[in-house]
Amino acid sequence: TDDEDELQLKSAPVNTILSPQHTTYNRDNSIELKKLTASMETMRTSVLQA
């Protein structure tokens, strides 16, 4: 279905980052990734509270 195709497109970058050949990339960017995740969680919380 279209929904499944859209879901695969959205998850594709995540799968790429998580794939074994990107472990070095992951290590280098884990801090940035944590910052990004934290800011997204903060944003989501503030939106829910609004």
PDB file of N, CA and C in Angstrom:
ATOM      1  N   THR A   1       0.836  -1.200   0.000  1.00  0.00           N
ATOM      2  CA  THR A   1       0.000   0.000   0.000  1.00  0.00           C
ATOM      3  C   THR A   1       0.875   1.257   0.000  1.00  0.00           C
ATOM      4  N   ASP A   2       0.259   2.387  -0.233  1.00  0.00           N
ATOM      5  CA  ASP A   2       0.995   3.653  -0.229  1.00  0.00           C
ATOM      6  C   ASP A   2       1.569   3.937   1.151  1.00  0.00           C
ATOM      7  N   ASP A   3       0.797   3.614   2.196  1.00  0.00           N
ATOM      8  CA  ASP A   3       1.260   3.857   3.562  1.00  0.00           C
ATOM      9  C   ASP A   3       2.536   3.077   3.853  1.00  0.00           C
ATOM     10  N   GLU A   4       2.575   1.820   3.422  1.00  0.00           N
ATOM     11  CA  GLU A   4       3.754   0.989   3.663  1.00  0.00           C
ATOM     12  C   GLU A   4       4.972   1.539   2.924  1.00  0.00           C
ATOM     13  N   ASP A   5       4.758   1.993   1.693  1.00  0.00           N
ATOM     14  CA  ASP A   5       5.852   2.577   0.912  1.00  0.00           C
ATOM     15  C   ASP A   5       6.388   3.827   1.603  1.00  0.00           C
ATOM     16  N   GLU A   6       5.469   4.648   2.107  1.00  0.00           N
ATOM     17  CA  GLU A   6       5.865   5.878   2.776  1.00  0.00           C
ATOM     18  C   GLU A   6       6.657   5.561   4.040  1.00  0.00           C
ATOM     19  N   LEU A   7       6.211   4.548   4.771  1.00  0.00           N
ATOM     20  CA  LEU A   7       6.882   4.144   6.001  1.00  0.00           C
ATOM     21  C   LEU A   7       8.297   3.661   5.700  1.00  0.00           C
ATOM     22  N   GLN A   8       8.452   2.902   4.624  1.00  0.00           N
ATOM     23  CA  GLN A   8       9.776   2.411   4.241  1.00  0.00           C
ATOM     24  C   GLN A   8      10.697   3.568   3.863  1.00  0.00           C
ATOM     25  N   LEU A   9      10.149   4.568   3.178  1.00  0.00           N
ATOM     26  CA  LEU A   9      10.949   5.725   2.800  1.00  0.00           C
ATOM     27  C   LEU A   9      11.409   6.488   4.034  1.00  0.00           C
ATOM     28  N   LYS A  10      10.512   6.623   5.014  1.00  0.00           N
ATOM     29  CA  LYS A  10      10.856   7.350   6.232  1.00  0.00           C
ATOM     30  C   LYS A  10      11.887   6.604   7.062  1.00  0.00           C
ATOM     31  N   SER A  11      11.817   5.275   7.074  1.00  0.00           N
ATOM     32  CA  SER A  11      12.725   4.494   7.908  1.00  0.00           C
ATOM     33  C   SER A  11      14.049   4.203   7.209  1.00  0.00           C
ATOM     34  N   ALA A  12      14.120   4.448   5.908  1.00  0.00           N
ATOM     35  CA  ALA A  12      15.337   4.141   5.155  1.00  0.00           C
ATOM     36  C   ALA A  12      16.587   4.831   5.716  1.00  0.00           C
ATOM     37  N   PRO A  13      16.565   6.147   5.993  1.00  0.00           N
ATOM     38  CA  PRO A  13      17.762   6.793   6.542  1.00  0.00           C
ATOM     39  C   PRO A  13      18.188   6.186   7.876  1.00  0.00           C
ATOM     40  N   VAL A  14      17.222   5.837   8.707  1.00  0.00           N
ATOM     41  CA  VAL A  14      17.521   5.221  10.000  1.00  0.00           C
ATOM     42  C   VAL A  14      18.216   3.888   9.789  1.00  0.00           C
ATOM     43  N   ASN A  15      17.693   3.078   8.874  1.00  0.00           N
ATOM     44  CA  ASN A  15      18.305   1.785   8.573  1.00  0.00           C
ATOM     45  C   ASN A  15      19.730   1.966   8.054  1.00  0.00           C
ATOM     46  N   THR A  16      19.947   2.996   7.263  1.00  0.00           N
ATOM     47  CA  THR A  16      21.279   3.267   6.725  1.00  0.00           C
ATOM     48  C   THR A  16      22.253   3.600   7.844  1.00  0.00           C
ATOM     49  N   ILE A  17      21.824   4.456   8.770  1.00  0.00           N
ATOM     50  CA  ILE A  17      22.680   4.863   9.886  1.00  0.00           C
ATOM     51  C   ILE A  17      22.975   3.677  10.803  1.00  0.00           C
ATOM     52  N   LEU A  18      21.981   2.812  10.986  1.00  0.00           N
ATOM     53  CA  LEU A  18      22.135   1.697  11.911  1.00  0.00           C
ATOM     54  C   LEU A  18      22.864   0.507  11.303  1.00  0.00           C
ATOM     55  N   SER A  19      23.057   0.514   9.994  1.00  0.00           N
ATOM     56  CA  SER A  19      23.701  -0.627   9.348  1.00  0.00           C
ATOM     57  C   SER A  19      25.171  -0.737   9.766  1.00  0.00           C
ATOM     58  N   PRO A  20      25.724  -1.968   9.773  1.00  0.00           N
ATOM     59  CA  PRO A  20      27.072  -2.227  10.313  1.00  0.00           C
ATOM     60  C   PRO A  20      28.170  -1.356   9.706  1.00  0.00           C
ATOM     61  N   GLN A  21      28.095  -1.071   8.416  1.00  0.00           N
ATOM     62  CA  GLN A  21      29.172  -0.309   7.789  1.00  0.00           C
ATOM     63  C   GLN A  21      29.173   1.158   8.227  1.00  0.00           C
ATOM     64  N   HIS A  22      28.174   1.565   8.997  1.00  0.00           N
ATOM     65  CA  HIS A  22      28.115   2.946   9.460  1.00  0.00           C
ATOM     66  C   HIS A  22      28.440   3.063  10.951  1.00  0.00           C
ATOM     67  N   THR A  23      29.080   2.052  11.523  1.00  0.00           N
ATOM     68  CA  THR A  23      29.364   2.087  12.959  1.00  0.00           C
ATOM     69  C   THR A  23      30.328   3.214  13.304  1.00  0.00           C
ATOM     70  N   THR A  24      31.313   3.451  12.447  1.00  0.00           N
ATOM     71  CA  THR A  24      32.261   4.544  12.687  1.00  0.00           C
ATOM     72  C   THR A  24      31.527   5.876  12.627  1.00  0.00           C
ATOM     73  N   TYR A  25      30.680   6.014  11.630  1.00  0.00           N
ATOM     74  CA  TYR A  25      29.855   7.211  11.501  1.00  0.00           C
ATOM     75  C   TYR A  25      29.014   7.391  12.755  1.00  0.00           C
ATOM     76  N   ASN A  26      28.424   6.289  13.230  1.00  0.00           N
ATOM     77  CA  ASN A  26      27.600   6.339  14.428  1.00  0.00           C
ATOM     78  C   ASN A  26      28.396   6.830  15.620  1.00  0.00           C
ATOM     79  N   ARG A  27      29.600   6.274  15.789  1.00  0.00           N
ATOM     80  CA  ARG A  27      30.426   6.634  16.935  1.00  0.00           C
ATOM     81  C   ARG A  27      30.758   8.122  16.894  1.00  0.00           C
ATOM     82  N   ASP A  28      31.095   8.620  15.714  1.00  0.00           N
ATOM     83  CA  ASP A  28      31.462  10.023  15.574  1.00  0.00           C
ATOM     84  C   ASP A  28      30.273  10.945  15.831  1.00  0.00           C
ATOM     85  N   ASN A  29      29.093  10.473  15.529  1.00  0.00           N
ATOM     86  CA  ASN A  29      27.917  11.341  15.600  1.00  0.00           C
ATOM     87  C   ASN A  29      26.974  11.000  16.746  1.00  0.00           C
ATOM     88  N   SER A  30      27.370  10.068  17.616  1.00  0.00           N
ATOM     89  CA  SER A  30      26.465   9.631  18.679  1.00  0.00           C
ATOM     90  C   SER A  30      26.108  10.785  19.611  1.00  0.00           C
ATOM     91  N   ILE A  31      27.065  11.675  19.870  1.00  0.00           N
ATOM     92  CA  ILE A  31      26.802  12.807  20.753  1.00  0.00           C
ATOM     93  C   ILE A  31      25.798  13.748  20.098  1.00  0.00           C
ATOM     94  N   GLU A  32      26.022  14.059  18.829  1.00  0.00           N
ATOM     95  CA  GLU A  32      25.089  14.907  18.088  1.00  0.00           C
ATOM     96  C   GLU A  32      23.712  14.258  18.023  1.00  0.00           C
ATOM     97  N   LEU A  33      23.715  12.936  17.829  1.00  0.00           N
ATOM     98  CA  LEU A  33      22.461  12.203  17.739  1.00  0.00           C
ATOM     99  C   LEU A  33      21.707  12.292  19.061  1.00  0.00           C
ATOM    100  N   LYS A  34      22.438  12.180  20.171  1.00  0.00           N
ATOM    101  CA  LYS A  34      21.815  12.284  21.490  1.00  0.00           C
ATOM    102  C   LYS A  34      21.244  13.678  21.707  1.00  0.00           C
ATOM    103  N   LYS A  35      21.991  14.697  21.289  1.00  0.00           N
ATOM    104  CA  LYS A  35      21.514  16.077  21.403  1.00  0.00           C
ATOM    105  C   LYS A  35      20.231  16.255  20.605  1.00  0.00           C
ATOM    106  N   LEU A  36      20.248  15.723  19.375  1.00  0.00           N
ATOM    107  CA  LEU A  36      19.090  15.840  18.494  1.00  0.00           C
ATOM    108  C   LEU A  36      17.885  15.137  19.099  1.00  0.00           C
ATOM    109  N   THR A  37      18.100  13.916  19.604  1.00  0.00           N
ATOM    110  CA  THR A  37      17.027  13.147  20.222  1.00  0.00           C
ATOM    111  C   THR A  37      16.470  13.892  21.424  1.00  0.00           C
ATOM    112  N   ALA A  38      17.356  14.438  22.245  1.00  0.00           N
ATOM    113  CA  ALA A  38      16.939  15.162  23.441  1.00  0.00           C
ATOM    114  C   ALA A  38      16.103  16.382  23.074  1.00  0.00           C
ATOM    115  N   SER A  39      16.548  17.136  22.065  1.00  0.00           N
ATOM    116  CA  SER A  39      15.817  18.329  21.659  1.00  0.00           C
ATOM    117  C   SER A  39      14.469  17.966  21.057  1.00  0.00           C
ATOM    118  N   MET A  40      14.410  16.832  20.343  1.00  0.00           N
ATOM    119  CA  MET A  40      13.139  16.381  19.778  1.00  0.00           C
ATOM    120  C   MET A  40      12.178  15.977  20.888  1.00  0.00           C
ATOM    121  N   GLU A  41      12.691  15.285  21.904  1.00  0.00           N
ATOM    122  CA  GLU A  41      11.865  14.896  23.045  1.00  0.00           C
ATOM    123  C   GLU A  41      11.347  16.142  23.755  1.00  0.00           C
ATOM    124  N   THR A  42      12.213  17.137  23.932  1.00  0.00           N
ATOM    125  CA  THR A  42      11.825  18.386  24.582  1.00  0.00           C
ATOM    126  C   THR A  42      10.729  19.079  23.783  1.00  0.00           C
ATOM    127  N   MET A  43      10.910  19.112  22.464  1.00  0.00           N
ATOM    128  CA  MET A  43       9.930  19.729  21.580  1.00  0.00           C
ATOM    129  C   MET A  43       8.590  19.013  21.685  1.00  0.00           C
ATOM    130  N   ARG A  44       8.633  17.673  21.644  1.00  0.00           N
ATOM    131  CA  ARG A  44       7.416  16.875  21.704  1.00  0.00           C
ATOM    132  C   ARG A  44       6.693  17.119  23.024  1.00  0.00           C
ATOM    133  N   THR A  45       7.464  17.185  24.114  1.00  0.00           N
ATOM    134  CA  THR A  45       6.872  17.410  25.429  1.00  0.00           C
ATOM    135  C   THR A  45       6.193  18.772  25.482  1.00  0.00           C
ATOM    136  N   SER A  46       6.872  19.809  24.975  1.00  0.00           N
ATOM    137  CA  SER A  46       6.312  21.158  25.016  1.00  0.00           C
ATOM    138  C   SER A  46       5.073  21.258  24.133  1.00  0.00           C
ATOM    139  N   VAL A  47       5.060  20.528  23.019  1.00  0.00           N
ATOM    140  CA  VAL A  47       3.885  20.519  22.142  1.00  0.00           C
ATOM    141  C   VAL A  47       2.714  19.850  22.855  1.00  0.00           C
ATOM    142  N   LEU A  48       2.987  18.741  23.544  1.00  0.00           N
ATOM    143  CA  LEU A  48       1.934  18.031  24.264  1.00  0.00           C
ATOM    144  C   LEU A  48       1.376  18.880  25.397  1.00  0.00           C
ATOM    145  N   GLN A  49       2.233  19.679  26.020  1.00  0.00           N
ATOM    146  CA  GLN A  49       1.805  20.500  27.152  1.00  0.00           C
ATOM    147  C   GLN A  49       1.076  21.753  26.692  1.00  0.00           C
ATOM    148  N   ALA A  50       1.321  22.187  25.455  1.00  0.00           N
ATOM    149  CA  ALA A  50       0.740  23.422  24.937  1.00  0.00           C
ATOM    150  C   ALA A  50      -0.785  23.346  24.896  1.00  0.00           C
TER     151      ALA A  50
END
